[in-house]
N, C-alpha and C. Protein backbone atom coordinates (compact mmCIF):
# COMPACT_ATOMS: atom_id res chain seq x y z
N MET A 1 104.60 91.38 103.51
CA MET A 1 105.50 93.00 103.72
C MET A 1 104.53 94.16 103.63
N SER A 2 103.64 93.98 102.94
CA SER A 2 102.78 95.48 102.77
C SER A 2 101.39 95.25 104.25
N ARG A 3 101.43 94.08 104.04
CA ARG A 3 100.26 94.18 105.47
C ARG A 3 101.09 94.59 106.70
N SER A 4 102.04 94.84 106.58
CA SER A 4 102.50 95.05 108.42
C SER A 4 103.51 95.99 108.56
N ALA A 5 104.10 96.11 107.47
CA ALA A 5 105.18 97.55 107.14
C ALA A 5 104.56 98.52 108.74
N TYR A 6 103.57 99.27 108.01
CA TYR A 6 102.52 99.95 108.62
C TYR A 6 102.70 100.04 110.51
N THR A 7 102.48 98.55 110.50
CA THR A 7 102.18 98.15 111.99
C THR A 7 103.46 97.90 112.65
N GLN A 8 104.45 97.98 112.31
CA GLN A 8 105.54 98.27 112.52
C GLN A 8 105.69 99.47 112.79
N LEU A 9 105.21 100.79 112.33
CA LEU A 9 105.59 102.16 112.52
C LEU A 9 104.48 101.95 113.96
N ARG A 10 104.01 101.45 114.30
CA ARG A 10 102.66 101.60 115.03
C ARG A 10 101.73 102.43 114.44
N HIS A 11 101.37 102.60 113.45
CA HIS A 11 100.92 103.66 113.02
C HIS A 11 100.71 104.74 112.59
N SER A 12 102.29 104.98 112.89
CA SER A 12 102.42 106.35 113.24
C SER A 12 102.34 107.36 111.77
N PRO A 13 102.02 108.34 111.44
CA PRO A 13 102.40 109.18 110.44
C PRO A 13 103.75 109.60 110.97
N LEU A 14 103.67 109.89 111.69
CA LEU A 14 105.34 111.15 112.49
C LEU A 14 106.26 109.73 112.07
N LEU A 15 105.83 108.67 112.04
CA LEU A 15 106.79 107.35 112.13
C LEU A 15 107.76 107.40 110.25
N LEU A 16 106.10 107.39 109.92
CA LEU A 16 106.41 107.14 108.56
C LEU A 16 107.07 108.42 107.21
N ALA A 17 106.95 109.51 108.48
CA ALA A 17 106.96 110.81 108.30
C ALA A 17 108.99 110.72 107.55
N ALA A 18 108.79 110.00 108.81
CA ALA A 18 110.80 109.92 108.91
C ALA A 18 111.80 108.72 108.65
N THR A 19 110.58 107.93 108.19
CA THR A 19 111.24 106.74 107.82
C THR A 19 111.49 106.45 106.06
N VAL A 20 110.31 107.35 105.66
CA VAL A 20 110.54 107.02 104.04
C VAL A 20 111.50 108.09 103.42
N PRO A 21 112.06 109.45 103.95
CA PRO A 21 113.54 109.76 103.86
C PRO A 21 114.48 109.27 104.25
N GLY A 22 113.95 108.88 105.45
CA GLY A 22 115.26 108.29 105.91
C GLY A 22 115.73 107.19 105.14
N LEU A 23 115.22 105.96 104.47
CA LEU A 23 115.43 105.27 104.17
C LEU A 23 115.56 105.48 102.65
N ALA A 24 115.14 106.11 101.80
CA ALA A 24 116.00 106.95 100.80
C ALA A 24 116.79 107.72 100.68
N LEU A 25 117.69 108.36 101.64
CA LEU A 25 118.60 108.48 101.91
C LEU A 25 119.26 107.59 102.14
N VAL A 26 119.86 106.96 102.81
CA VAL A 26 120.55 105.42 102.66
C VAL A 26 120.51 104.74 101.68
N TYR A 27 119.22 104.60 101.51
CA TYR A 27 119.53 103.04 100.30
C TYR A 27 119.92 103.90 99.12
N LEU A 28 119.05 104.67 98.62
CA LEU A 28 118.60 105.46 97.29
C LEU A 28 120.03 106.57 96.93
N GLY A 29 120.22 107.89 97.75
CA GLY A 29 121.25 108.13 97.46
C GLY A 29 122.77 108.43 97.49
N PRO A 30 123.28 107.16 97.46
CA PRO A 30 124.57 106.56 96.80
C PRO A 30 124.32 106.20 95.61
N PRO A 31 123.46 105.68 95.20
CA PRO A 31 123.18 105.08 93.74
C PRO A 31 122.86 106.02 93.12
N VAL A 32 121.90 107.18 93.46
CA VAL A 32 121.33 108.58 92.43
C VAL A 32 122.63 109.67 92.55
N THR A 33 123.61 109.84 93.73
CA THR A 33 124.31 110.32 93.72
C THR A 33 125.72 110.13 92.56
N PHE A 34 126.08 108.75 92.63
CA PHE A 34 126.78 108.34 91.92
C PHE A 34 126.66 108.41 90.49
N VAL A 35 125.68 108.29 89.90
CA VAL A 35 124.58 107.96 88.34
C VAL A 35 124.86 109.80 88.00
N THR A 36 124.04 110.26 89.42
CA THR A 36 124.10 112.06 88.84
C THR A 36 125.73 112.39 88.47
N GLY A 37 126.41 112.39 89.43
CA GLY A 37 127.74 112.63 89.62
C GLY A 37 128.45 111.79 87.99
N LEU A 38 128.36 111.25 87.41
CA LEU A 38 128.69 110.79 86.01
C LEU A 38 128.16 111.11 85.00
N LEU A 39 126.80 111.55 85.19
CA LEU A 39 125.96 112.21 83.98
C LEU A 39 126.62 113.53 83.76
N THR A 40 126.89 114.03 84.98
CA THR A 40 127.25 115.98 85.09
C THR A 40 128.63 116.20 85.33
N GLY A 41 129.50 115.10 84.99
CA GLY A 41 130.78 115.64 85.03
C GLY A 41 131.61 115.33 86.92
N GLY A 42 130.16 115.11 87.76
CA GLY A 42 130.75 115.74 89.19
C GLY A 42 131.78 114.61 89.65
N ALA A 43 132.86 114.46 89.23
CA ALA A 43 133.57 113.61 90.29
C ALA A 43 133.68 113.22 91.59
N VAL A 44 133.66 114.32 91.83
CA VAL A 44 133.78 114.34 93.88
C VAL A 44 132.20 113.41 94.31
N ALA A 45 131.24 113.28 93.54
CA ALA A 45 129.69 113.03 93.90
C ALA A 45 130.29 111.78 92.85
N ALA A 46 130.59 111.07 92.13
CA ALA A 46 130.27 110.11 91.50
C ALA A 46 131.32 109.24 92.12
N TRP A 47 132.35 109.76 92.76
CA TRP A 47 133.50 108.88 93.87
C TRP A 47 132.64 108.96 95.05
N ALA A 48 132.02 109.85 95.93
CA ALA A 48 131.59 109.45 96.82
C ALA A 48 130.04 108.73 96.58
N GLY A 49 129.73 108.70 95.94
CA GLY A 49 128.70 107.97 95.42
C GLY A 49 129.10 106.57 95.17
N GLY A 50 129.42 106.43 94.97
CA GLY A 50 130.14 105.06 93.72
C GLY A 50 130.73 104.96 95.48
N ALA A 51 131.45 105.26 96.13
CA ALA A 51 131.97 104.88 97.63
C ALA A 51 131.41 104.30 98.54
N ALA A 52 130.19 105.22 98.69
CA ALA A 52 129.04 104.57 99.55
C ALA A 52 128.34 103.94 99.24
N TRP A 53 128.13 103.14 97.92
CA TRP A 53 127.37 101.89 97.13
C TRP A 53 128.01 100.57 97.47
N LEU A 54 129.68 101.42 97.39
CA LEU A 54 130.26 99.54 97.68
C LEU A 54 130.32 99.36 99.23
N VAL A 55 130.56 100.51 99.95
CA VAL A 55 130.51 100.13 100.80
C VAL A 55 129.48 99.23 101.79
N MET A 56 127.60 99.66 100.78
CA MET A 56 126.87 99.45 101.43
C MET A 56 126.46 97.62 100.81
N ALA A 57 127.11 97.99 99.30
CA ALA A 57 127.01 96.46 98.85
C ALA A 57 127.93 95.66 99.94
N GLY A 58 129.34 96.17 100.33
CA GLY A 58 130.14 95.45 101.03
C GLY A 58 129.54 94.72 102.44
N THR A 59 128.53 95.58 102.77
CA THR A 59 127.68 95.26 104.83
C THR A 59 126.92 94.13 103.83
N TYR A 60 126.03 94.46 102.74
CA TYR A 60 125.16 93.18 102.62
C TYR A 60 125.78 91.90 102.40
N MET A 61 127.00 91.76 101.50
CA MET A 61 127.48 90.59 101.48
C MET A 61 127.67 89.36 102.07
N PRO A 62 127.74 89.28 103.87
CA PRO A 62 127.40 88.31 104.35
C PRO A 62 125.90 87.77 104.52
N MET A 63 125.13 88.77 104.62
CA MET A 63 123.75 88.15 104.51
C MET A 63 123.65 87.45 103.37
N LEU A 64 124.00 88.33 101.88
CA LEU A 64 123.63 87.21 101.30
C LEU A 64 124.84 85.74 101.28
N ALA A 65 126.21 85.29 101.56
CA ALA A 65 126.38 84.26 101.70
C ALA A 65 125.69 83.21 102.78
N TYR A 66 125.33 84.16 103.99
CA TYR A 66 124.28 83.16 104.78
C TYR A 66 123.04 82.42 104.33
N TYR A 67 122.29 82.99 103.46
CA TYR A 67 121.71 82.67 102.65
C TYR A 67 121.80 81.81 101.67
N ARG A 68 123.35 81.83 101.29
CA ARG A 68 123.60 81.22 99.57
C ARG A 68 123.29 81.99 98.18
N GLN A 69 122.63 82.64 98.29
CA GLN A 69 122.81 83.92 97.21
C GLN A 69 123.66 84.28 96.22
N SER A 70 124.04 84.71 95.19
CA SER A 70 125.13 85.30 94.45
C SER A 70 125.70 86.74 95.13
N LEU A 71 126.63 86.38 95.22
CA LEU A 71 127.37 88.03 95.94
C LEU A 71 127.09 89.03 94.81
N LEU A 72 126.48 88.90 93.89
CA LEU A 72 126.30 89.24 92.68
C LEU A 72 125.11 90.65 92.90
N LEU A 73 124.48 90.30 93.82
CA LEU A 73 123.37 89.99 94.08
C LEU A 73 123.51 91.84 94.71
N ALA A 74 124.79 92.00 95.64
CA ALA A 74 124.58 92.75 96.72
C ALA A 74 124.48 94.16 96.12
N PRO A 75 124.99 94.74 94.98
CA PRO A 75 124.63 96.05 94.36
C PRO A 75 123.71 96.25 94.46
N LEU A 76 122.77 95.03 94.13
CA LEU A 76 121.00 95.60 93.71
C LEU A 76 120.51 95.67 95.66
N LEU A 77 120.93 96.26 96.28
CA LEU A 77 120.52 95.95 97.33
C LEU A 77 119.35 96.98 97.65
N PRO A 78 119.94 98.10 97.17
CA PRO A 78 119.11 100.23 96.83
C PRO A 78 117.69 99.25 95.89
N VAL A 79 117.31 98.58 94.94
CA VAL A 79 116.21 98.26 94.33
C VAL A 79 115.86 97.25 95.71
N THR A 80 115.58 96.33 96.29
CA THR A 80 115.56 95.88 97.40
C THR A 80 114.40 97.02 98.46
N ALA A 81 115.64 98.17 98.68
CA ALA A 81 115.18 98.99 99.45
C ALA A 81 113.83 99.93 99.10
N LEU A 82 113.92 100.11 97.82
CA LEU A 82 112.75 100.80 97.11
C LEU A 82 111.37 99.95 97.16
N LEU A 83 111.49 98.36 96.74
CA LEU A 83 110.29 98.36 97.19
C LEU A 83 109.90 98.26 98.39
N TYR A 84 110.80 98.11 99.66
CA TYR A 84 110.17 97.87 100.70
C TYR A 84 109.86 99.24 101.38
N LEU A 85 110.53 100.74 100.57
CA LEU A 85 110.09 101.73 100.60
C LEU A 85 108.72 101.92 100.16
N LEU A 86 108.25 101.32 98.83
CA LEU A 86 107.14 101.68 98.18
C LEU A 86 105.72 100.53 99.12
N MET A 87 105.90 99.26 99.29
CA MET A 87 105.40 98.54 100.83
C MET A 87 105.31 99.49 101.63
N THR A 88 106.14 99.86 102.54
CA THR A 88 105.70 100.81 103.13
C THR A 88 104.71 102.21 103.13
N VAL A 89 104.77 103.18 102.15
CA VAL A 89 103.92 103.41 101.89
C VAL A 89 102.66 103.06 101.44
N ASP A 90 102.51 101.63 100.79
CA ASP A 90 101.62 101.06 100.55
C ASP A 90 100.16 100.72 101.61
N SER A 91 101.21 100.53 102.91
CA SER A 91 100.39 99.87 104.01
C SER A 91 100.08 100.94 104.57
N ALA A 92 100.39 102.23 104.68
CA ALA A 92 100.04 102.90 105.44
C ALA A 92 98.68 103.45 104.87
N VAL A 93 98.68 103.78 103.39
CA VAL A 93 97.45 104.02 102.35
C VAL A 93 96.56 103.01 102.62
N GLN A 94 96.88 101.71 102.72
CA GLN A 94 95.58 100.81 102.90
C GLN A 94 95.13 100.90 104.50
N HIS A 95 96.31 101.55 105.40
CA HIS A 95 95.64 101.78 106.34
C HIS A 95 94.66 102.95 106.92
N ARG A 96 95.23 104.04 105.92
CA ARG A 96 94.54 105.20 105.72
C ARG A 96 93.26 104.89 105.39
N ARG A 97 92.66 104.16 104.42
CA ARG A 97 91.43 103.94 103.49
C ARG A 97 90.80 102.88 104.54
N GLY A 98 91.23 102.44 105.32
CA GLY A 98 90.57 101.59 106.76
C GLY A 98 90.18 99.99 106.62
N ARG A 99 90.93 99.73 105.21
CA ARG A 99 91.25 98.29 104.47
C ARG A 99 92.20 97.31 105.33
N GLY A 100 92.68 97.64 106.19
CA GLY A 100 93.66 97.09 107.20
C GLY A 100 94.43 95.95 106.63
N ALA A 101 94.87 94.67 106.58
CA ALA A 101 95.75 93.66 106.46
C ALA A 101 95.14 92.90 105.49
N ALA A 102 95.53 92.40 104.65
CA ALA A 102 94.79 91.27 103.26
C ALA A 102 96.28 90.34 103.65
N TRP A 103 95.80 89.16 103.36
CA TRP A 103 96.25 87.88 103.48
C TRP A 103 95.48 86.74 102.77
N LYS A 104 95.94 85.54 101.85
CA LYS A 104 95.92 85.12 100.93
C LYS A 104 94.47 85.39 100.41
N GLY A 105 94.30 86.15 100.46
CA GLY A 105 92.80 86.56 99.60
C GLY A 105 91.58 87.08 100.97
N ARG A 106 92.18 86.95 101.82
CA ARG A 106 91.19 87.42 103.30
C ARG A 106 91.65 89.00 103.73
N THR A 107 90.84 90.06 103.82
CA THR A 107 90.66 91.52 104.60
C THR A 107 90.60 91.30 106.08
N TYR A 108 91.38 91.86 106.64
CA TYR A 108 91.18 91.88 108.13
C TYR A 108 90.76 93.53 108.52
N ALA A 109 90.31 93.78 109.02
CA ALA A 109 89.48 95.25 109.35
C ALA A 109 90.60 95.80 110.03
N ARG A 110 90.69 97.27 109.79
CA ARG A 110 92.33 97.56 110.43
C ARG A 110 91.81 97.86 112.36
N PRO A 111 93.21 96.98 112.76
CA PRO A 111 92.84 96.93 114.44
C PRO A 111 92.57 98.95 114.69
N GLU A 112 91.64 98.99 116.18
CA GLU A 112 91.14 99.76 116.70
C GLU A 112 92.32 100.36 117.63
N ALA A 113 92.33 101.64 118.18
CA ALA A 113 92.85 101.33 119.64
C ALA A 113 93.06 100.83 120.76
N ALA A 114 94.39 100.60 120.87
CA ALA A 114 94.16 99.63 122.40
C ALA A 114 93.41 100.32 123.64
N PRO A 115 92.82 100.01 124.58
CA PRO A 115 92.21 100.82 125.22
C PRO A 115 93.12 100.67 126.71
N ASP A 116 93.44 101.79 126.73
CA ASP A 116 94.60 102.14 127.98
C ASP A 116 94.43 101.50 129.60
N ARG A 117 95.10 101.49 129.62
CA ARG A 117 94.88 100.50 130.91
C ARG A 117 95.51 101.75 132.40
């Protein structure tokens, strides 16, 4: 995953800069808002964050069912999204360092830009 995430963004710092906060807002925002609301006594924040988290988990359940996984894993989607976000950032950092992709102990050179046609 880490070897190809930045490639999916076409090695674009601009797309990375939009993707990271987008992932954080969509997948991490609801549980953070829910927990913050509970800890601070903000009933509206807790309700809104909890409702958004439930909707997110509910929309993930068909995928879990399709792959015959426990539906109890649905509320953990934000954890998966956080890991994906971190691997995407790591992919960009490795690309920036010139390391390219790594697979099965082999490291591949960073691809050069494709020539214009």
